[in-house]
N, C-alpha and C. Protein backbone atom coordinates (compact mmCIF):
# COMPACT_ATOMS: atom_id res chain seq x y z
N MET A 1 -8.70 -9.04 -1.14
CA MET A 1 -7.82 -8.26 -0.24
C MET A 1 -6.47 -8.24 -0.86
N ASP A 2 -5.74 -7.50 -0.54
CA ASP A 2 -4.26 -7.30 -0.93
C ASP A 2 -3.41 -8.24 -0.31
N LYS A 3 -2.88 -9.15 -1.07
CA LYS A 3 -1.91 -10.02 -0.43
C LYS A 3 -0.56 -9.33 -0.16
N GLY A 4 -0.23 -8.44 -0.91
CA GLY A 4 0.79 -7.93 -0.74
C GLY A 4 1.07 -7.15 0.61
N ARG A 5 0.04 -6.51 1.27
CA ARG A 5 0.32 -5.83 2.48
C ARG A 5 0.42 -7.15 3.66
N LEU A 6 -0.39 -8.16 3.55
CA LEU A 6 0.02 -9.43 4.39
C LEU A 6 1.33 -9.64 4.22
N GLU A 7 1.89 -9.94 3.18
CA GLU A 7 3.34 -10.41 2.88
C GLU A 7 4.27 -9.43 3.57
N ALA A 8 3.96 -8.13 3.51
CA ALA A 8 4.93 -7.10 3.84
C ALA A 8 4.91 -6.98 5.33
N PHE A 9 3.45 -7.05 5.96
CA PHE A 9 3.71 -7.17 7.38
C PHE A 9 4.37 -8.39 7.92
N SER A 10 4.09 -9.53 7.53
CA SER A 10 4.74 -10.70 7.79
C SER A 10 6.16 -10.63 7.68
N ASP A 11 6.70 -10.19 6.60
CA ASP A 11 8.03 -9.88 6.55
C ASP A 11 8.84 -8.98 7.65
N GLY A 12 8.06 -7.99 7.87
CA GLY A 12 8.43 -7.15 9.20
C GLY A 12 8.48 -8.07 10.56
N VAL A 13 7.34 -8.72 10.88
CA VAL A 13 7.40 -9.46 12.02
C VAL A 13 8.50 -10.58 11.88
N LEU A 14 8.75 -11.39 10.91
CA LEU A 14 9.75 -12.26 10.71
C LEU A 14 11.12 -11.76 10.82
N ALA A 15 11.34 -10.40 10.38
CA ALA A 15 12.67 -9.98 10.50
C ALA A 15 12.91 -9.55 11.93
N VAL A 16 11.89 -9.10 12.76
CA VAL A 16 12.11 -8.79 14.05
C VAL A 16 12.36 -9.94 14.99
N ALA A 17 11.58 -10.92 14.67
CA ALA A 17 11.74 -12.27 15.25
C ALA A 17 13.15 -12.94 15.40
N ILE A 18 13.61 -12.98 13.87
CA ILE A 18 14.95 -13.62 13.59
C ILE A 18 16.13 -12.62 14.29
N THR A 19 15.95 -11.57 14.43
CA THR A 19 16.81 -10.58 14.91
C THR A 19 16.90 -10.64 16.49
N LEU A 20 15.78 -11.06 16.99
CA LEU A 20 16.05 -11.10 18.47
C LEU A 20 16.31 -12.21 19.00
N LEU A 21 16.63 -13.22 18.12
CA LEU A 21 17.42 -14.37 18.55
C LEU A 21 18.83 -14.00 19.08
N VAL A 22 19.52 -13.14 18.33
CA VAL A 22 21.01 -12.89 18.51
C VAL A 22 21.09 -12.32 19.73
N LEU A 23 20.13 -11.71 20.49
CA LEU A 23 20.35 -10.71 21.75
C LEU A 23 20.73 -11.52 22.97
N ASP A 24 20.35 -12.90 22.55
CA ASP A 24 20.76 -13.67 24.01
C ASP A 24 22.22 -14.44 23.71
N LEU A 25 22.85 -14.10 22.71
CA LEU A 25 24.17 -14.49 22.31
C LEU A 25 25.11 -13.50 23.00
N ARG A 26 25.74 -13.59 24.30
CA ARG A 26 26.38 -12.69 24.91
C ARG A 26 27.73 -13.47 25.58
N VAL A 27 28.73 -12.55 26.03
CA VAL A 27 29.78 -12.78 26.69
C VAL A 27 30.08 -11.83 27.71
N ASP A 28 30.77 -12.29 28.80
CA ASP A 28 30.86 -11.03 30.01
C ASP A 28 32.60 -10.73 29.93
N VAL A 29 32.82 -9.45 29.39
CA VAL A 29 34.16 -9.14 29.26
C VAL A 29 34.92 -8.91 30.62
N ASN A 30 34.07 -8.85 31.86
CA ASN A 30 34.72 -8.87 33.07
C ASN A 30 34.93 -10.13 33.71
N SER A 31 34.61 -11.32 32.79
CA SER A 31 34.55 -12.61 33.48
C SER A 31 36.14 -12.97 33.56
N ARG A 32 36.48 -13.86 34.62
CA ARG A 32 37.79 -14.43 34.79
C ARG A 32 38.08 -15.48 33.75
N ASP A 33 37.12 -15.93 33.18
CA ASP A 33 37.26 -17.14 32.15
C ASP A 33 37.60 -16.28 30.83
N SER A 34 38.53 -17.10 30.07
CA SER A 34 38.85 -16.68 28.66
C SER A 34 37.55 -16.46 27.81
N LEU A 35 37.75 -15.76 26.72
CA LEU A 35 36.55 -15.76 25.74
C LEU A 35 36.51 -17.08 25.19
N ALA A 36 37.34 -17.66 24.86
CA ALA A 36 37.26 -19.06 24.12
C ALA A 36 36.43 -20.00 25.30
N SER A 37 36.84 -19.87 26.51
CA SER A 37 36.24 -20.79 27.49
C SER A 37 34.64 -20.19 27.61
N GLN A 38 34.59 -19.03 27.69
CA GLN A 38 32.94 -18.65 27.61
C GLN A 38 32.26 -19.01 26.48
N LEU A 39 32.61 -19.04 25.31
CA LEU A 39 32.25 -19.67 24.14
C LEU A 39 31.79 -20.97 24.23
N ARG A 40 32.78 -21.76 24.58
CA ARG A 40 32.62 -23.28 25.12
C ARG A 40 31.41 -23.49 25.98
N HIS A 41 31.42 -22.72 26.97
CA HIS A 41 30.26 -22.87 28.06
C HIS A 41 29.13 -22.50 27.56
N GLU A 42 29.02 -21.44 26.52
CA GLU A 42 27.54 -21.03 26.00
C GLU A 42 27.32 -21.83 24.85
N TRP A 43 27.81 -23.10 24.69
CA TRP A 43 27.36 -23.66 23.41
C TRP A 43 25.85 -24.04 23.25
N PRO A 44 25.18 -24.28 24.44
CA PRO A 44 23.73 -24.50 24.14
C PRO A 44 23.04 -23.13 23.64
N SER A 45 23.48 -21.94 24.00
CA SER A 45 22.78 -20.56 23.25
C SER A 45 23.09 -20.67 21.88
N PHE A 46 24.34 -21.06 21.34
CA PHE A 46 24.79 -21.02 19.99
C PHE A 46 23.99 -22.14 19.40
N ALA A 47 23.83 -23.44 19.71
CA ALA A 47 23.28 -24.54 19.07
C ALA A 47 21.91 -24.15 18.84
N SER A 48 21.19 -23.58 19.82
CA SER A 48 19.64 -23.31 19.81
C SER A 48 19.56 -22.07 18.97
N TYR A 49 20.45 -21.15 18.88
CA TYR A 49 20.10 -20.02 17.95
C TYR A 49 20.34 -20.50 16.59
N VAL A 50 21.31 -21.33 16.18
CA VAL A 50 21.52 -21.78 14.70
C VAL A 50 20.22 -22.79 14.38
N VAL A 51 19.71 -23.27 15.13
CA VAL A 51 18.65 -24.07 14.62
C VAL A 51 17.34 -23.28 14.56
N SER A 52 17.04 -22.43 15.48
CA SER A 52 15.87 -21.45 15.52
C SER A 52 16.06 -20.34 14.47
N PHE A 53 17.41 -19.82 14.03
CA PHE A 53 17.54 -19.04 12.97
C PHE A 53 17.08 -19.78 11.69
N PHE A 54 17.59 -20.80 11.33
CA PHE A 54 17.20 -21.52 10.22
C PHE A 54 15.66 -22.03 10.12
N ILE A 55 15.23 -22.22 11.21
CA ILE A 55 13.66 -22.47 11.31
C ILE A 55 12.94 -21.22 10.76
N ILE A 56 13.25 -19.94 11.43
CA ILE A 56 12.54 -18.88 11.04
C ILE A 56 12.97 -18.35 9.77
N GLY A 57 14.27 -18.68 9.29
CA GLY A 57 14.54 -18.54 7.66
C GLY A 57 13.85 -19.47 6.87
N VAL A 58 13.64 -20.32 7.15
CA VAL A 58 12.93 -21.36 6.22
C VAL A 58 11.22 -20.98 6.42
N ILE A 59 10.85 -20.54 7.26
CA ILE A 59 9.38 -20.14 7.46
C ILE A 59 9.38 -18.73 6.62
N TRP A 60 10.18 -17.85 6.48
CA TRP A 60 10.24 -16.81 5.68
C TRP A 60 10.27 -17.09 4.20
N VAL A 61 11.12 -18.04 3.79
CA VAL A 61 11.24 -18.67 2.55
C VAL A 61 9.83 -19.27 2.09
N ASN A 62 9.28 -20.18 2.92
CA ASN A 62 8.29 -20.85 2.36
C ASN A 62 6.91 -20.13 2.46
N HIS A 63 6.88 -19.14 3.39
CA HIS A 63 5.76 -18.12 3.39
C HIS A 63 5.85 -17.23 1.98
N HIS A 64 6.90 -16.99 1.56
CA HIS A 64 6.90 -16.35 0.06
C HIS A 64 6.41 -17.35 -0.88
N ALA A 65 7.06 -18.55 -0.72
CA ALA A 65 6.76 -19.56 -1.76
C ALA A 65 5.00 -19.85 -1.74
N LEU A 66 4.62 -19.90 -0.74
CA LEU A 66 3.18 -20.25 -0.47
C LEU A 66 2.46 -19.20 -1.00
N PHE A 67 2.74 -17.93 -0.75
CA PHE A 67 1.80 -16.86 -1.23
C PHE A 67 2.09 -16.58 -2.47
N ALA A 68 3.15 -17.01 -3.09
CA ALA A 68 3.22 -16.81 -4.57
C ALA A 68 2.48 -17.71 -5.34
N ARG A 69 1.74 -18.55 -4.73
CA ARG A 69 0.83 -19.63 -5.37
C ARG A 69 -0.67 -19.10 -5.16
N ALA A 70 -0.85 -17.99 -4.37
CA ALA A 70 -2.02 -17.57 -3.85
C ALA A 70 -2.47 -16.42 -4.96
N SER A 71 -3.73 -16.35 -5.56
CA SER A 71 -4.09 -15.21 -6.23
C SER A 71 -4.70 -14.14 -5.46
N ARG A 72 -5.05 -14.46 -4.47
CA ARG A 72 -5.61 -13.46 -3.56
C ARG A 72 -5.69 -13.91 -1.95
N VAL A 73 -5.83 -13.10 -0.98
CA VAL A 73 -6.30 -13.84 0.28
C VAL A 73 -7.49 -13.27 0.75
N ASP A 74 -8.10 -13.79 1.63
CA ASP A 74 -9.24 -13.59 2.38
C ASP A 74 -9.28 -13.16 3.91
N ARG A 75 -10.24 -12.96 4.60
CA ARG A 75 -10.03 -12.70 6.05
C ARG A 75 -9.70 -14.04 6.90
N GLY A 76 -10.01 -15.30 6.39
CA GLY A 76 -9.71 -16.39 6.82
C GLY A 76 -7.99 -16.64 6.69
N VAL A 77 -7.60 -16.46 5.71
CA VAL A 77 -6.11 -16.52 5.39
C VAL A 77 -5.24 -15.39 6.29
N MET A 78 -5.91 -14.27 6.42
CA MET A 78 -5.29 -13.19 7.20
C MET A 78 -5.17 -13.61 8.65
N PHE A 79 -6.27 -14.20 9.11
CA PHE A 79 -6.21 -14.55 10.55
C PHE A 79 -5.51 -15.90 10.91
N TYR A 80 -5.33 -16.89 9.94
CA TYR A 80 -4.36 -18.02 9.99
C TYR A 80 -2.85 -17.43 10.01
N ASN A 81 -2.76 -16.49 9.04
CA ASN A 81 -1.54 -15.84 9.19
C ASN A 81 -0.94 -15.18 10.34
N LEU A 82 -2.01 -14.40 11.03
CA LEU A 82 -1.86 -13.92 12.39
C LEU A 82 -1.54 -15.10 13.49
N LEU A 83 -2.06 -15.90 13.48
CA LEU A 83 -1.95 -17.03 14.24
C LEU A 83 -0.46 -17.72 14.11
N LEU A 84 0.04 -17.80 12.79
CA LEU A 84 1.45 -18.17 12.53
C LEU A 84 2.24 -17.18 13.10
N LEU A 85 2.01 -15.78 12.85
CA LEU A 85 2.98 -14.96 13.39
C LEU A 85 3.03 -14.93 15.06
N MET A 86 1.93 -15.01 15.65
CA MET A 86 1.88 -15.18 17.12
C MET A 86 2.86 -16.39 17.49
N PHE A 87 2.92 -17.49 16.99
CA PHE A 87 3.85 -18.46 17.38
C PHE A 87 5.39 -18.03 16.98
N VAL A 88 5.39 -17.67 15.82
CA VAL A 88 6.87 -17.32 15.19
C VAL A 88 7.59 -16.33 16.32
N VAL A 89 6.77 -15.31 16.83
CA VAL A 89 7.37 -14.35 17.78
C VAL A 89 7.64 -14.82 19.07
N THR A 90 7.21 -16.00 19.45
CA THR A 90 7.42 -16.66 20.67
C THR A 90 8.73 -17.59 20.55
N ILE A 91 9.44 -17.76 19.42
CA ILE A 91 10.54 -18.46 19.09
C ILE A 91 11.79 -18.05 19.80
N PRO A 92 12.01 -16.58 19.79
CA PRO A 92 13.09 -16.12 20.65
C PRO A 92 12.99 -16.42 22.00
N PHE A 93 12.01 -16.12 22.52
CA PHE A 93 11.81 -16.66 24.10
C PHE A 93 12.06 -17.97 24.33
N THR A 94 11.23 -19.01 23.64
CA THR A 94 11.61 -20.45 23.82
C THR A 94 12.77 -20.75 23.57
N THR A 95 13.35 -20.23 22.58
CA THR A 95 14.99 -20.61 22.19
C THR A 95 15.94 -20.31 23.58
N SER A 96 15.86 -18.78 23.77
CA SER A 96 16.48 -18.56 25.07
C SER A 96 16.41 -19.52 26.53
N THR A 97 14.99 -19.85 26.44
CA THR A 97 14.78 -20.63 27.49
C THR A 97 15.34 -22.06 27.39
N LEU A 98 15.16 -22.42 26.26
CA LEU A 98 15.73 -23.81 26.21
C LEU A 98 17.30 -23.93 26.28
N ALA A 99 17.92 -22.59 25.78
CA ALA A 99 19.32 -22.70 26.11
C ALA A 99 19.76 -22.71 27.28
N ALA A 100 18.87 -21.89 28.15
CA ALA A 100 19.30 -21.81 29.59
C ALA A 100 19.10 -23.04 30.33
N TYR A 101 18.33 -23.72 29.99
CA TYR A 101 18.15 -25.12 30.75
C TYR A 101 18.55 -26.20 30.21
N LEU A 102 19.13 -26.28 28.92
CA LEU A 102 19.73 -27.24 28.08
C LEU A 102 20.54 -28.41 28.80
N ARG A 103 21.48 -27.89 29.76
CA ARG A 103 22.14 -28.71 30.53
C ARG A 103 21.69 -29.12 31.96
N THR A 104 20.72 -28.44 32.44
CA THR A 104 20.41 -28.64 34.02
C THR A 104 19.82 -29.96 34.13
N GLY A 105 18.82 -30.41 33.24
CA GLY A 105 18.21 -31.61 33.81
C GLY A 105 17.08 -31.26 34.48
N GLY A 106 16.07 -32.22 34.84
CA GLY A 106 15.08 -32.12 35.85
C GLY A 106 13.90 -31.33 35.19
N ALA A 107 12.91 -30.99 36.25
CA ALA A 107 11.54 -30.55 35.59
C ALA A 107 11.65 -29.27 34.82
N ASP A 108 12.58 -28.40 35.27
CA ASP A 108 12.61 -27.18 34.51
C ASP A 108 13.09 -27.39 33.24
N GLN A 109 14.14 -28.30 32.88
CA GLN A 109 14.59 -28.70 31.40
C GLN A 109 13.33 -29.17 30.67
N ARG A 110 12.54 -29.95 31.05
CA ARG A 110 11.51 -30.67 30.39
C ARG A 110 10.38 -29.51 30.13
N VAL A 111 10.17 -28.54 30.92
CA VAL A 111 9.39 -27.54 30.64
C VAL A 111 9.67 -26.64 29.50
N ALA A 112 11.23 -26.55 29.48
CA ALA A 112 11.70 -25.60 28.48
C ALA A 112 11.66 -26.34 27.13
N VAL A 113 11.84 -27.74 27.26
CA VAL A 113 11.57 -28.58 25.88
C VAL A 113 10.23 -28.33 25.36
N VAL A 114 9.31 -28.60 26.34
CA VAL A 114 7.91 -28.41 25.96
C VAL A 114 7.46 -27.05 25.42
N LEU A 115 7.95 -26.02 25.99
CA LEU A 115 7.57 -24.69 25.52
C LEU A 115 8.33 -24.46 24.03
N TYR A 116 9.44 -25.04 23.99
CA TYR A 116 9.99 -25.11 22.53
C TYR A 116 9.16 -25.69 21.66
N GLY A 117 8.72 -26.83 21.93
CA GLY A 117 7.96 -27.55 21.08
C GLY A 117 6.62 -27.08 20.54
N ILE A 118 6.02 -26.42 21.59
CA ILE A 118 4.60 -25.67 21.59
C ILE A 118 4.87 -24.55 20.46
N SER A 119 6.09 -23.84 20.48
CA SER A 119 6.35 -22.85 19.47
C SER A 119 6.40 -23.42 17.99
N MET A 120 6.91 -24.61 17.88
CA MET A 120 7.20 -25.13 16.71
C MET A 120 5.89 -25.81 16.19
N GLU A 121 5.15 -26.50 17.13
CA GLU A 121 3.86 -27.04 16.84
C GLU A 121 2.92 -26.25 16.30
N GLY A 122 2.70 -24.99 17.08
CA GLY A 122 1.59 -24.16 16.80
C GLY A 122 2.07 -23.29 15.50
N MET A 123 3.43 -23.12 15.02
CA MET A 123 3.91 -22.39 13.86
C MET A 123 3.32 -23.43 12.62
N ALA A 124 3.77 -24.81 12.83
CA ALA A 124 3.38 -25.69 11.75
C ALA A 124 1.89 -26.04 11.54
N ILE A 125 1.27 -25.98 12.69
CA ILE A 125 -0.19 -26.08 12.45
C ILE A 125 -0.78 -24.89 11.60
N SER A 126 -0.42 -23.63 12.23
CA SER A 126 -0.86 -22.54 11.52
C SER A 126 -0.48 -22.48 10.01
N PHE A 127 0.85 -22.65 9.75
CA PHE A 127 1.12 -22.79 8.38
C PHE A 127 0.32 -23.76 7.59
N THR A 128 0.15 -24.90 8.17
CA THR A 128 -0.71 -25.96 7.39
C THR A 128 -2.08 -25.46 7.04
N LEU A 129 -2.64 -24.78 8.11
CA LEU A 129 -4.09 -24.14 8.00
C LEU A 129 -4.24 -23.27 6.82
N ILE A 130 -3.05 -22.32 6.61
CA ILE A 130 -3.15 -21.42 5.54
C ILE A 130 -3.13 -22.11 4.29
N LEU A 131 -2.37 -23.14 3.97
CA LEU A 131 -2.33 -23.75 2.70
C LEU A 131 -3.71 -24.55 2.55
N TRP A 132 -4.23 -25.32 3.65
CA TRP A 132 -5.54 -25.78 3.75
C TRP A 132 -6.67 -24.79 3.37
N HIS A 133 -6.46 -23.67 3.76
CA HIS A 133 -7.59 -22.71 3.61
C HIS A 133 -7.49 -22.12 1.95
N LEU A 134 -6.31 -21.84 1.61
CA LEU A 134 -6.00 -21.33 0.17
C LEU A 134 -6.54 -22.30 -0.84
N VAL A 135 -6.27 -23.86 -0.55
CA VAL A 135 -6.97 -24.90 -1.31
C VAL A 135 -8.29 -24.92 -1.30
N ARG A 136 -8.71 -25.16 0.02
CA ARG A 136 -10.32 -25.21 0.07
C ARG A 136 -11.16 -24.23 -0.31
N ARG A 137 -10.78 -22.88 -0.22
CA ARG A 137 -11.41 -21.69 -0.72
C ARG A 137 -11.09 -21.26 -2.07
N ASN A 138 -10.28 -22.36 -2.78
CA ASN A 138 -9.85 -21.84 -4.34
C ASN A 138 -9.32 -20.61 -4.49
N LEU A 139 -8.24 -20.21 -3.43
CA LEU A 139 -7.64 -18.91 -3.58
C LEU A 139 -6.45 -19.00 -4.44
N LEU A 140 -5.92 -20.08 -4.91
CA LEU A 140 -4.68 -20.51 -5.65
C LEU A 140 -4.86 -19.73 -7.03
N LEU A 141 -3.66 -19.68 -7.74
CA LEU A 141 -3.63 -19.17 -8.95
C LEU A 141 -4.23 -19.68 -9.97
N ARG A 142 -4.29 -21.07 -10.01
CA ARG A 142 -5.22 -21.98 -10.81
C ARG A 142 -5.68 -23.16 -9.94
N PRO A 143 -7.02 -23.46 -10.36
CA PRO A 143 -7.52 -24.52 -9.40
C PRO A 143 -6.72 -25.85 -9.51
N VAL A 144 -6.63 -26.45 -8.42
CA VAL A 144 -6.14 -27.85 -8.40
C VAL A 144 -7.19 -28.86 -7.97
N SER A 145 -6.77 -30.36 -8.37
CA SER A 145 -8.00 -31.18 -7.97
C SER A 145 -7.86 -31.32 -6.67
N ALA A 146 -8.89 -32.02 -6.17
CA ALA A 146 -9.06 -32.40 -4.71
C ALA A 146 -7.89 -33.26 -4.15
N GLU A 147 -7.59 -34.27 -5.03
CA GLU A 147 -6.37 -35.03 -4.87
C GLU A 147 -4.88 -34.13 -4.68
N GLN A 148 -4.92 -33.45 -5.60
CA GLN A 148 -3.64 -32.52 -5.68
C GLN A 148 -3.55 -31.54 -4.19
N GLY A 149 -4.71 -31.06 -3.95
CA GLY A 149 -4.76 -30.34 -2.68
C GLY A 149 -4.51 -31.11 -1.64
N ARG A 150 -5.20 -32.14 -1.34
CA ARG A 150 -4.81 -32.97 -0.26
C ARG A 150 -3.36 -33.45 -0.20
N THR A 151 -2.71 -33.94 -1.40
CA THR A 151 -1.46 -34.32 -1.40
C THR A 151 -0.50 -33.22 -0.76
N ALA A 152 -0.74 -32.00 -1.19
CA ALA A 152 0.23 -30.84 -1.05
C ALA A 152 -0.09 -30.47 0.58
N VAL A 153 -1.17 -30.53 1.05
CA VAL A 153 -1.31 -30.30 2.40
C VAL A 153 -0.78 -31.32 3.47
N ARG A 154 -0.83 -32.45 2.87
CA ARG A 154 -0.31 -33.62 3.85
C ARG A 154 1.35 -33.47 3.61
N ARG A 155 2.06 -33.12 2.57
CA ARG A 155 3.43 -32.91 2.52
C ARG A 155 3.75 -31.49 3.37
N PHE A 156 3.05 -30.62 3.09
CA PHE A 156 3.45 -29.36 3.66
C PHE A 156 3.16 -29.41 5.27
N GLY A 157 2.18 -30.31 5.75
CA GLY A 157 1.97 -30.35 7.09
C GLY A 157 2.63 -31.48 7.88
N MET A 158 3.71 -32.13 7.25
CA MET A 158 4.66 -33.00 7.96
C MET A 158 5.09 -32.69 9.53
N GLY A 159 5.35 -31.20 9.40
CA GLY A 159 5.99 -30.87 10.67
C GLY A 159 5.09 -30.94 11.95
N THR A 160 3.83 -30.93 11.35
CA THR A 160 2.84 -31.07 12.64
C THR A 160 2.90 -32.33 13.21
N LEU A 161 3.24 -33.56 12.48
CA LEU A 161 3.60 -34.89 13.10
C LEU A 161 4.94 -34.98 13.77
N ILE A 162 5.96 -34.22 12.98
CA ILE A 162 7.26 -34.45 13.74
C ILE A 162 7.69 -33.68 14.80
N TYR A 163 7.13 -32.44 14.88
CA TYR A 163 7.47 -31.74 16.02
C TYR A 163 7.06 -32.15 17.39
N PRO A 164 5.96 -32.93 17.54
CA PRO A 164 5.58 -33.49 18.74
C PRO A 164 6.50 -34.52 19.14
N VAL A 165 6.90 -35.41 17.91
CA VAL A 165 7.86 -36.59 18.30
C VAL A 165 9.00 -36.08 18.79
N GLY A 166 9.52 -34.71 18.50
CA GLY A 166 10.67 -34.01 18.69
C GLY A 166 10.75 -33.65 20.28
N VAL A 167 9.36 -33.12 20.82
CA VAL A 167 9.41 -32.83 22.14
C VAL A 167 9.48 -34.29 23.07
N ILE A 168 8.84 -35.38 22.55
CA ILE A 168 9.17 -36.64 23.24
C ILE A 168 10.55 -36.95 23.14
N VAL A 169 11.36 -36.72 22.20
CA VAL A 169 12.73 -37.13 21.99
C VAL A 169 13.56 -36.07 22.95
N GLY A 170 13.13 -34.61 23.15
CA GLY A 170 13.81 -33.75 23.96
C GLY A 170 13.53 -34.00 25.52
N LEU A 171 12.45 -34.80 25.69
CA LEU A 171 12.22 -35.17 27.22
C LEU A 171 13.44 -36.01 27.77
N VAL A 172 13.94 -36.78 26.60
CA VAL A 172 15.20 -37.54 26.90
C VAL A 172 16.48 -37.07 26.75
N SER A 173 16.38 -36.29 25.45
CA SER A 173 17.91 -35.54 25.26
C SER A 173 17.49 -34.30 24.42
N PRO A 174 17.58 -33.24 25.03
CA PRO A 174 17.27 -31.64 24.26
C PRO A 174 18.18 -31.75 23.11
N VAL A 175 19.63 -32.23 23.34
CA VAL A 175 20.25 -32.04 22.04
C VAL A 175 19.73 -32.67 20.85
N ALA A 176 19.36 -34.13 21.04
CA ALA A 176 18.66 -34.89 20.14
C ALA A 176 17.56 -34.24 19.65
N MET A 177 16.68 -33.48 20.26
CA MET A 177 15.74 -32.86 19.96
C MET A 177 15.93 -31.74 18.69
N LEU A 178 17.22 -30.94 19.17
CA LEU A 178 17.58 -29.98 18.19
C LEU A 178 18.13 -30.43 17.03
N VAL A 179 18.80 -31.69 17.13
CA VAL A 179 19.21 -32.37 15.74
C VAL A 179 18.02 -32.64 14.99
N LEU A 180 17.03 -33.31 15.56
CA LEU A 180 15.78 -33.86 14.96
C LEU A 180 15.09 -32.46 14.21
N TYR A 181 15.19 -31.48 14.98
CA TYR A 181 14.53 -30.29 14.21
C TYR A 181 15.53 -29.52 13.19
N ALA A 182 16.46 -29.91 13.28
CA ALA A 182 17.61 -29.31 12.04
C ALA A 182 17.24 -30.28 11.04
N VAL A 183 16.80 -31.51 11.17
CA VAL A 183 16.45 -32.41 10.02
C VAL A 183 15.17 -31.85 9.52
N VAL A 184 14.21 -31.38 10.37
CA VAL A 184 12.95 -30.93 9.58
C VAL A 184 13.37 -29.66 9.00
N VAL A 185 13.99 -28.82 9.31
CA VAL A 185 14.50 -27.59 8.55
C VAL A 185 14.83 -28.26 7.05
N GLY A 186 15.91 -29.35 7.09
CA GLY A 186 16.35 -29.66 5.78
C GLY A 186 15.24 -30.18 5.03
N PHE A 187 14.14 -30.87 5.60
CA PHE A 187 13.06 -31.24 4.87
C PHE A 187 12.21 -29.98 4.03
N TYR A 188 12.25 -28.98 4.93
CA TYR A 188 11.52 -27.84 4.29
C TYR A 188 12.19 -26.95 3.55
N ILE A 189 13.38 -27.00 3.70
CA ILE A 189 14.31 -26.36 2.44
C ILE A 189 13.96 -26.63 1.09
N ALA A 190 13.46 -27.89 0.93
CA ALA A 190 13.01 -28.43 -0.52
C ALA A 190 11.57 -27.89 -0.41
N ASP A 191 11.05 -27.56 -1.59
CA ASP A 191 9.63 -27.20 -1.91
C ASP A 191 8.70 -28.37 -1.56
N GLN A 192 7.74 -28.18 -0.58
CA GLN A 192 6.84 -29.26 -0.41
C GLN A 192 5.57 -28.95 -1.00
N THR A 193 5.45 -27.98 -2.02
CA THR A 193 4.17 -27.82 -2.75
C THR A 193 4.33 -27.64 -4.06
N PRO A 194 5.03 -28.91 -4.52
CA PRO A 194 5.48 -28.95 -6.13
C PRO A 194 4.05 -29.10 -6.97
N VAL A 195 2.93 -29.61 -6.55
CA VAL A 195 1.96 -30.01 -7.35
C VAL A 195 1.29 -28.61 -7.63
N LEU A 196 1.34 -27.64 -6.70
CA LEU A 196 0.41 -26.50 -6.83
C LEU A 196 1.07 -25.40 -7.85
N PRO A 197 0.40 -24.68 -8.47
CA PRO A 197 0.91 -23.87 -9.53
C PRO A 197 1.57 -22.44 -9.04
N THR A 198 2.37 -21.99 -9.52
CA THR A 198 3.11 -20.84 -8.98
C THR A 198 3.52 -19.82 -10.01
N ALA A 199 3.32 -18.36 -9.28
CA ALA A 199 4.04 -17.46 -10.08
C ALA A 199 5.55 -17.67 -9.94
N ASP A 200 6.21 -16.61 -10.62
CA ASP A 200 7.67 -16.65 -10.84
C ASP A 200 8.26 -16.08 -9.43
N VAL A 201 8.80 -17.28 -8.74
CA VAL A 201 9.25 -16.94 -7.31
C VAL A 201 10.64 -16.53 -7.54
């Protein structure tokens, strides 16, 4: 199957998802509060936006890097990719929900934290499944040893372990969860599949 069509479709979905994030950043021109005061009051929306923007941005970069290592795709990859996109498009909703309840405390805040964590964990699992399938079905540009494949999947899949920890942290402090997720973004800015052969990215 043509991986170019998969990448083009994915690029479109990711572009929409990352654009939707900004729609929840707003101010009220009719408010009695000054613009500066409103911006200070809305800091949860801006903090959540920045973290989620870079999460989706890193997804886009690593999606490109991952498929640069694939010689072709099959139906399994396409369905795992759909699963990834399903979770990615929930990020604008879970981001705005988290921002809305970031300072409230109580049960609603905890639910918002869990929802955000589900988006992140689902995305991480789906991404890891794509790489695992590419390695297992020998769909890479050049074959790799079993050990190289396991190493790549373990490194690439670190988020599947870290994001649930973030949820636990977030139940105590949602702000600390956002900081932890920002650290995860930093981890994934670096290439986590260096052992795999690649085309010119």
